[in-house]
Amino acid sequence: VQLQASGGGLVQTGGSLRLSCAVSGFSLHYYAIAWFRQAPGKERQGVSCLTTADGSRYYADSVKGRLTISRDNAKNTVNLQMNSLQPEDAAVYFCAVGSNCAVVHGYVHLYDSDHWGQGTQVTVSS
């Protein structure tokens, strides 16, 4: 099982980026794919998750309305469209696979998260 995040970069405040998580080694069916982020000196935060069995989507309170998670079964990718980016969104973004998702205390929680990909850096200039 391998996951590879890409699509990060430098964007101005208010700008957009589209991250992609390429999944290999297993099918996207019947799993949960989540995006996390970690800024320097801060804890890792779960920002979005998608359960592939029923297509449910979950978002952290801080990103709701600005981020959209989607999947492309043909390409075996899970994408994260990020709009209206703010300096506080700057972080390294990771994707991970687990069994299910939930929103706990305003953040996305991924259950049984045993596979993680390398991150992609998102920088937002003010």
N, C-alpha and C. Protein backbone atom coordinates (compact mmCIF):
# COMPACT_ATOMS: atom_id res chain seq x y z
N VAL A 1 0.84 -1.18 0.00
CA VAL A 1 0.00 0.00 0.00
C VAL A 1 0.88 1.24 0.00
N GLN A 2 0.65 2.10 -0.96
CA GLN A 2 1.41 3.34 -1.03
C GLN A 2 0.48 4.51 -1.29
N LEU A 3 0.78 5.63 -0.65
CA LEU A 3 0.04 6.86 -0.88
C LEU A 3 1.04 7.96 -1.16
N GLN A 4 0.76 8.78 -2.13
CA GLN A 4 1.65 9.87 -2.49
C GLN A 4 0.84 11.14 -2.69
N ALA A 5 1.11 12.12 -1.84
CA ALA A 5 0.42 13.40 -1.94
C ALA A 5 1.21 14.33 -2.85
N SER A 6 0.49 15.13 -3.61
CA SER A 6 1.12 16.11 -4.49
C SER A 6 0.18 17.30 -4.67
N GLY A 7 0.71 18.35 -5.31
CA GLY A 7 -0.11 19.51 -5.63
C GLY A 7 0.11 20.71 -4.74
N GLY A 8 0.96 20.58 -3.75
CA GLY A 8 1.23 21.72 -2.89
C GLY A 8 2.02 22.79 -3.61
N GLY A 9 2.15 23.93 -2.98
CA GLY A 9 2.89 25.03 -3.57
C GLY A 9 2.69 26.31 -2.80
N LEU A 10 3.10 27.40 -3.43
CA LEU A 10 2.97 28.73 -2.84
C LEU A 10 1.78 29.45 -3.46
N VAL A 11 0.93 30.00 -2.63
CA VAL A 11 -0.24 30.71 -3.13
C VAL A 11 -0.48 31.93 -2.25
N GLN A 12 -1.06 32.95 -2.82
CA GLN A 12 -1.39 34.15 -2.05
C GLN A 12 -2.66 33.93 -1.24
N THR A 13 -2.82 34.71 -0.20
CA THR A 13 -4.04 34.66 0.59
C THR A 13 -5.26 34.85 -0.31
N GLY A 14 -6.22 33.96 -0.13
CA GLY A 14 -7.41 33.99 -0.97
C GLY A 14 -7.32 33.10 -2.19
N GLY A 15 -6.15 32.56 -2.45
CA GLY A 15 -5.94 31.72 -3.61
C GLY A 15 -6.41 30.28 -3.41
N SER A 16 -6.16 29.45 -4.43
CA SER A 16 -6.62 28.07 -4.43
C SER A 16 -5.50 27.11 -4.79
N LEU A 17 -5.63 25.91 -4.29
CA LEU A 17 -4.74 24.81 -4.66
C LEU A 17 -5.56 23.53 -4.70
N ARG A 18 -5.11 22.59 -5.50
CA ARG A 18 -5.75 21.28 -5.57
C ARG A 18 -4.72 20.22 -5.26
N LEU A 19 -4.90 19.54 -4.15
CA LEU A 19 -4.01 18.47 -3.75
C LEU A 19 -4.55 17.15 -4.26
N SER A 20 -3.64 16.23 -4.52
CA SER A 20 -4.03 14.91 -4.99
C SER A 20 -3.30 13.85 -4.20
N CYS A 21 -4.01 12.80 -3.84
CA CYS A 21 -3.42 11.66 -3.13
C CYS A 21 -3.55 10.45 -4.05
N ALA A 22 -2.43 10.00 -4.58
CA ALA A 22 -2.43 8.82 -5.44
C ALA A 22 -2.27 7.58 -4.57
N VAL A 23 -3.19 6.66 -4.75
CA VAL A 23 -3.23 5.44 -3.94
C VAL A 23 -2.86 4.26 -4.81
N SER A 24 -1.96 3.43 -4.34
CA SER A 24 -1.60 2.22 -5.08
C SER A 24 -1.49 1.05 -4.12
N GLY A 25 -1.75 -0.10 -4.63
CA GLY A 25 -1.63 -1.30 -3.81
C GLY A 25 -2.95 -1.82 -3.27
N PHE A 26 -4.01 -1.01 -3.42
CA PHE A 26 -5.33 -1.48 -3.05
C PHE A 26 -6.37 -0.60 -3.73
N SER A 27 -7.58 -1.09 -3.77
CA SER A 27 -8.67 -0.34 -4.37
C SER A 27 -9.22 0.68 -3.38
N LEU A 28 -9.81 1.74 -3.95
CA LEU A 28 -10.40 2.77 -3.11
C LEU A 28 -11.71 2.34 -2.46
N HIS A 29 -12.24 1.21 -2.87
CA HIS A 29 -13.53 0.80 -2.34
C HIS A 29 -13.41 0.36 -0.88
N TYR A 30 -14.42 0.70 -0.10
CA TYR A 30 -14.55 0.24 1.27
C TYR A 30 -13.42 0.69 2.19
N TYR A 31 -12.95 1.89 1.98
CA TYR A 31 -11.97 2.46 2.88
C TYR A 31 -12.35 3.91 3.18
N ALA A 32 -11.59 4.50 4.08
CA ALA A 32 -11.69 5.92 4.35
C ALA A 32 -10.35 6.56 4.03
N ILE A 33 -10.40 7.64 3.28
CA ILE A 33 -9.19 8.37 2.91
C ILE A 33 -9.28 9.76 3.53
N ALA A 34 -8.26 10.14 4.25
CA ALA A 34 -8.31 11.41 4.97
C ALA A 34 -7.10 12.27 4.63
N TRP A 35 -7.31 13.56 4.75
CA TRP A 35 -6.24 14.54 4.63
C TRP A 35 -5.96 15.14 6.00
N PHE A 36 -4.69 15.21 6.33
CA PHE A 36 -4.24 15.84 7.57
C PHE A 36 -3.26 16.95 7.20
N ARG A 37 -3.01 17.82 8.16
CA ARG A 37 -2.00 18.84 7.96
C ARG A 37 -1.25 19.06 9.27
N GLN A 38 -0.01 19.48 9.12
CA GLN A 38 0.80 19.78 10.30
C GLN A 38 1.69 20.97 10.00
N ALA A 39 1.52 22.01 10.78
CA ALA A 39 2.35 23.21 10.68
C ALA A 39 3.49 23.10 11.69
N PRO A 40 4.58 23.80 11.45
CA PRO A 40 5.72 23.74 12.37
C PRO A 40 5.32 24.09 13.81
N GLY A 41 5.69 23.23 14.73
CA GLY A 41 5.40 23.48 16.13
C GLY A 41 3.98 23.20 16.56
N LYS A 42 3.17 22.67 15.64
CA LYS A 42 1.77 22.41 15.97
C LYS A 42 1.45 20.94 15.80
N GLU A 43 0.36 20.51 16.42
CA GLU A 43 -0.06 19.13 16.29
C GLU A 43 -0.69 18.88 14.92
N ARG A 44 -0.64 17.64 14.51
CA ARG A 44 -1.29 17.24 13.26
C ARG A 44 -2.81 17.37 13.41
N GLN A 45 -3.44 17.90 12.38
CA GLN A 45 -4.89 18.10 12.38
C GLN A 45 -5.52 17.34 11.23
N GLY A 46 -6.62 16.69 11.50
CA GLY A 46 -7.39 16.08 10.43
C GLY A 46 -8.31 17.12 9.82
N VAL A 47 -8.23 17.35 8.52
CA VAL A 47 -9.02 18.41 7.90
C VAL A 47 -10.17 17.90 7.05
N SER A 48 -10.02 16.71 6.45
CA SER A 48 -11.10 16.20 5.62
C SER A 48 -10.97 14.70 5.44
N CYS A 49 -12.11 14.06 5.20
CA CYS A 49 -12.10 12.61 5.03
C CYS A 49 -13.26 12.20 4.14
N LEU A 50 -13.06 11.12 3.43
CA LEU A 50 -14.09 10.57 2.55
C LEU A 50 -14.16 9.06 2.76
N THR A 51 -15.38 8.57 2.97
CA THR A 51 -15.55 7.12 3.09
C THR A 51 -16.02 6.59 1.74
N THR A 52 -15.25 5.72 1.17
CA THR A 52 -15.50 5.32 -0.21
C THR A 52 -16.72 4.42 -0.36
N ALA A 53 -17.13 3.74 0.68
CA ALA A 53 -18.28 2.83 0.57
C ALA A 53 -19.57 3.59 0.29
N ASP A 54 -19.76 4.73 0.95
CA ASP A 54 -21.00 5.47 0.76
C ASP A 54 -20.79 6.92 0.31
N GLY A 55 -19.55 7.31 0.13
CA GLY A 55 -19.27 8.66 -0.34
C GLY A 55 -19.45 9.76 0.67
N SER A 56 -19.55 9.41 1.96
CA SER A 56 -19.70 10.44 2.98
C SER A 56 -18.44 11.29 3.07
N ARG A 57 -18.64 12.57 3.31
CA ARG A 57 -17.52 13.52 3.42
C ARG A 57 -17.55 14.20 4.77
N TYR A 58 -16.37 14.40 5.31
CA TYR A 58 -16.24 15.01 6.63
C TYR A 58 -15.22 16.14 6.53
N TYR A 59 -15.50 17.22 7.27
CA TYR A 59 -14.60 18.37 7.25
C TYR A 59 -14.40 18.91 8.66
N ALA A 60 -13.19 19.37 8.92
CA ALA A 60 -12.93 20.09 10.16
C ALA A 60 -13.69 21.41 10.12
N ASP A 61 -14.07 21.89 11.29
CA ASP A 61 -14.83 23.13 11.36
C ASP A 61 -14.08 24.30 10.72
N SER A 62 -12.77 24.30 10.86
CA SER A 62 -11.97 25.43 10.38
C SER A 62 -11.87 25.51 8.87
N VAL A 63 -12.23 24.44 8.15
CA VAL A 63 -12.09 24.44 6.69
C VAL A 63 -13.41 24.26 5.98
N LYS A 64 -14.47 24.05 6.73
CA LYS A 64 -15.78 23.79 6.13
C LYS A 64 -16.18 24.96 5.24
N GLY A 65 -16.62 24.62 4.02
CA GLY A 65 -17.01 25.64 3.06
C GLY A 65 -15.89 26.11 2.17
N ARG A 66 -14.66 25.79 2.51
CA ARG A 66 -13.51 26.21 1.70
C ARG A 66 -12.80 25.03 1.06
N LEU A 67 -12.87 23.86 1.67
CA LEU A 67 -12.21 22.68 1.14
C LEU A 67 -13.26 21.68 0.67
N THR A 68 -12.95 20.99 -0.41
CA THR A 68 -13.83 19.96 -0.95
C THR A 68 -13.02 18.73 -1.27
N ILE A 69 -13.42 17.60 -0.71
CA ILE A 69 -12.74 16.33 -0.97
C ILE A 69 -13.52 15.56 -2.01
N SER A 70 -12.80 14.90 -2.91
CA SER A 70 -13.45 14.11 -3.94
C SER A 70 -12.56 12.95 -4.31
N ARG A 71 -13.11 12.01 -5.06
CA ARG A 71 -12.31 10.86 -5.48
C ARG A 71 -12.46 10.64 -6.97
N ASP A 72 -11.42 10.05 -7.53
CA ASP A 72 -11.41 9.66 -8.94
C ASP A 72 -11.07 8.18 -8.97
N ASN A 73 -12.09 7.34 -9.10
CA ASN A 73 -11.85 5.90 -9.05
C ASN A 73 -10.99 5.42 -10.21
N ALA A 74 -11.16 6.04 -11.35
CA ALA A 74 -10.39 5.62 -12.53
C ALA A 74 -8.89 5.83 -12.32
N LYS A 75 -8.56 6.93 -11.64
CA LYS A 75 -7.15 7.24 -11.41
C LYS A 75 -6.69 6.78 -10.03
N ASN A 76 -7.61 6.24 -9.23
CA ASN A 76 -7.29 5.82 -7.86
C ASN A 76 -6.67 6.97 -7.06
N THR A 77 -7.31 8.10 -7.12
CA THR A 77 -6.83 9.27 -6.39
C THR A 77 -7.96 9.86 -5.55
N VAL A 78 -7.57 10.53 -4.49
CA VAL A 78 -8.49 11.33 -3.70
C VAL A 78 -7.94 12.75 -3.69
N ASN A 79 -8.76 13.69 -4.07
CA ASN A 79 -8.32 15.06 -4.26
C ASN A 79 -8.89 15.98 -3.20
N LEU A 80 -8.17 17.06 -2.94
CA LEU A 80 -8.62 18.06 -1.99
C LEU A 80 -8.52 19.43 -2.65
N GLN A 81 -9.67 19.98 -3.02
CA GLN A 81 -9.71 21.32 -3.58
C GLN A 81 -9.77 22.33 -2.44
N MET A 82 -8.80 23.22 -2.41
CA MET A 82 -8.70 24.19 -1.33
C MET A 82 -8.88 25.59 -1.88
N ASN A 83 -9.90 26.27 -1.47
CA ASN A 83 -10.19 27.63 -1.91
C ASN A 83 -10.10 28.60 -0.74
N SER A 84 -10.00 29.88 -1.08
CA SER A 84 -9.94 30.94 -0.06
C SER A 84 -8.89 30.63 1.00
N LEU A 85 -7.71 30.26 0.55
CA LEU A 85 -6.66 29.86 1.48
C LEU A 85 -6.20 31.04 2.33
N GLN A 86 -5.92 30.75 3.57
CA GLN A 86 -5.49 31.74 4.54
C GLN A 86 -4.11 31.35 5.07
N PRO A 87 -3.37 32.31 5.62
CA PRO A 87 -2.04 31.97 6.16
C PRO A 87 -2.07 30.82 7.17
N GLU A 88 -3.16 30.71 7.92
CA GLU A 88 -3.24 29.62 8.90
C GLU A 88 -3.44 28.25 8.26
N ASP A 89 -3.69 28.21 6.96
CA ASP A 89 -3.80 26.93 6.25
C ASP A 89 -2.43 26.39 5.85
N ALA A 90 -1.39 27.20 5.98
CA ALA A 90 -0.05 26.76 5.59
C ALA A 90 0.41 25.61 6.46
N ALA A 91 0.86 24.55 5.83
CA ALA A 91 1.28 23.35 6.56
C ALA A 91 1.75 22.32 5.54
N VAL A 92 2.28 21.23 6.06
CA VAL A 92 2.51 20.06 5.23
C VAL A 92 1.24 19.22 5.29
N TYR A 93 0.73 18.86 4.13
CA TYR A 93 -0.51 18.11 4.03
C TYR A 93 -0.18 16.65 3.70
N PHE A 94 -0.82 15.74 4.45
CA PHE A 94 -0.62 14.30 4.28
C PHE A 94 -1.96 13.64 3.96
N CYS A 95 -1.89 12.53 3.26
CA CYS A 95 -3.08 11.70 3.12
C CYS A 95 -2.83 10.37 3.81
N ALA A 96 -3.91 9.77 4.25
CA ALA A 96 -3.82 8.52 4.99
C ALA A 96 -5.06 7.68 4.73
N VAL A 97 -4.91 6.38 4.93
CA VAL A 97 -6.01 5.43 4.74
C VAL A 97 -6.36 4.81 6.07
N GLY A 98 -7.65 4.67 6.30
CA GLY A 98 -8.14 4.02 7.51
C GLY A 98 -9.43 3.29 7.22
N SER A 99 -10.15 2.97 8.29
CA SER A 99 -11.38 2.21 8.12
C SER A 99 -12.64 3.06 8.13
N ASN A 100 -12.59 4.22 8.79
CA ASN A 100 -13.77 5.07 8.88
C ASN A 100 -13.35 6.44 9.39
N CYS A 101 -14.27 7.38 9.28
CA CYS A 101 -13.99 8.76 9.69
C CYS A 101 -15.08 9.25 10.63
N ALA A 102 -14.74 10.32 11.35
CA ALA A 102 -15.72 11.04 12.14
C ALA A 102 -15.16 12.43 12.41
N VAL A 103 -16.02 13.33 12.80
CA VAL A 103 -15.57 14.64 13.27
C VAL A 103 -15.67 14.63 14.78
N VAL A 104 -14.53 14.83 15.43
CA VAL A 104 -14.45 14.80 16.88
C VAL A 104 -13.87 16.13 17.36
N HIS A 105 -14.62 16.83 18.18
CA HIS A 105 -14.19 18.13 18.70
C HIS A 105 -13.74 19.07 17.58
N GLY A 106 -14.45 19.01 16.46
CA GLY A 106 -14.18 19.95 15.38
C GLY A 106 -13.12 19.54 14.41
N TYR A 107 -12.49 18.40 14.64
CA TYR A 107 -11.46 17.92 13.73
C TYR A 107 -11.81 16.54 13.21
N VAL A 108 -11.28 16.23 12.04
CA VAL A 108 -11.52 14.92 11.45
C VAL A 108 -10.65 13.88 12.15
N HIS A 109 -11.29 12.78 12.50
CA HIS A 109 -10.58 11.64 13.08
C HIS A 109 -10.68 10.47 12.12
N LEU A 110 -9.55 9.83 11.87
CA LEU A 110 -9.48 8.67 10.99
C LEU A 110 -9.21 7.43 11.84
N TYR A 111 -10.09 6.46 11.77
CA TYR A 111 -9.94 5.24 12.55
C TYR A 111 -9.03 4.25 11.83
N ASP A 112 -8.21 3.55 12.64
CA ASP A 112 -7.33 2.50 12.10
C ASP A 112 -6.44 3.04 11.00
N SER A 113 -5.83 4.18 11.24
CA SER A 113 -5.00 4.85 10.24
C SER A 113 -3.61 4.23 10.23
N ASP A 114 -3.45 3.20 9.43
CA ASP A 114 -2.18 2.49 9.44
C ASP A 114 -1.34 2.69 8.19
N HIS A 115 -1.83 3.52 7.27
CA HIS A 115 -1.05 3.80 6.07
C HIS A 115 -1.04 5.29 5.81
N TRP A 116 0.15 5.83 5.71
CA TRP A 116 0.33 7.27 5.51
C TRP A 116 1.23 7.52 4.31
N GLY A 117 0.98 8.61 3.64
CA GLY A 117 1.83 9.01 2.53
C GLY A 117 2.77 10.13 2.94
N GLN A 118 3.73 10.42 2.08
CA GLN A 118 4.58 11.59 2.31
C GLN A 118 3.77 12.85 2.05
N GLY A 119 4.16 13.91 2.68
CA GLY A 119 3.38 15.13 2.61
C GLY A 119 3.74 16.02 1.45
N THR A 120 2.90 17.03 1.26
CA THR A 120 3.15 18.06 0.26
C THR A 120 2.98 19.41 0.96
N GLN A 121 3.92 20.31 0.71
CA GLN A 121 3.95 21.59 1.41
C GLN A 121 2.99 22.59 0.78
N VAL A 122 2.20 23.22 1.63
CA VAL A 122 1.34 24.32 1.21
C VAL A 122 1.79 25.58 1.94
N THR A 123 2.13 26.60 1.18
CA THR A 123 2.57 27.87 1.74
C THR A 123 1.62 28.96 1.27
N VAL A 124 1.14 29.76 2.20
CA VAL A 124 0.20 30.83 1.87
C VAL A 124 0.83 32.16 2.29
N SER A 125 1.05 33.01 1.31
CA SER A 125 1.66 34.31 1.59
C SER A 125 0.57 35.34 1.91
N SER A 126 0.87 36.20 2.87
CA SER A 126 -0.12 37.21 3.27
C SER A 126 0.08 38.52 2.52
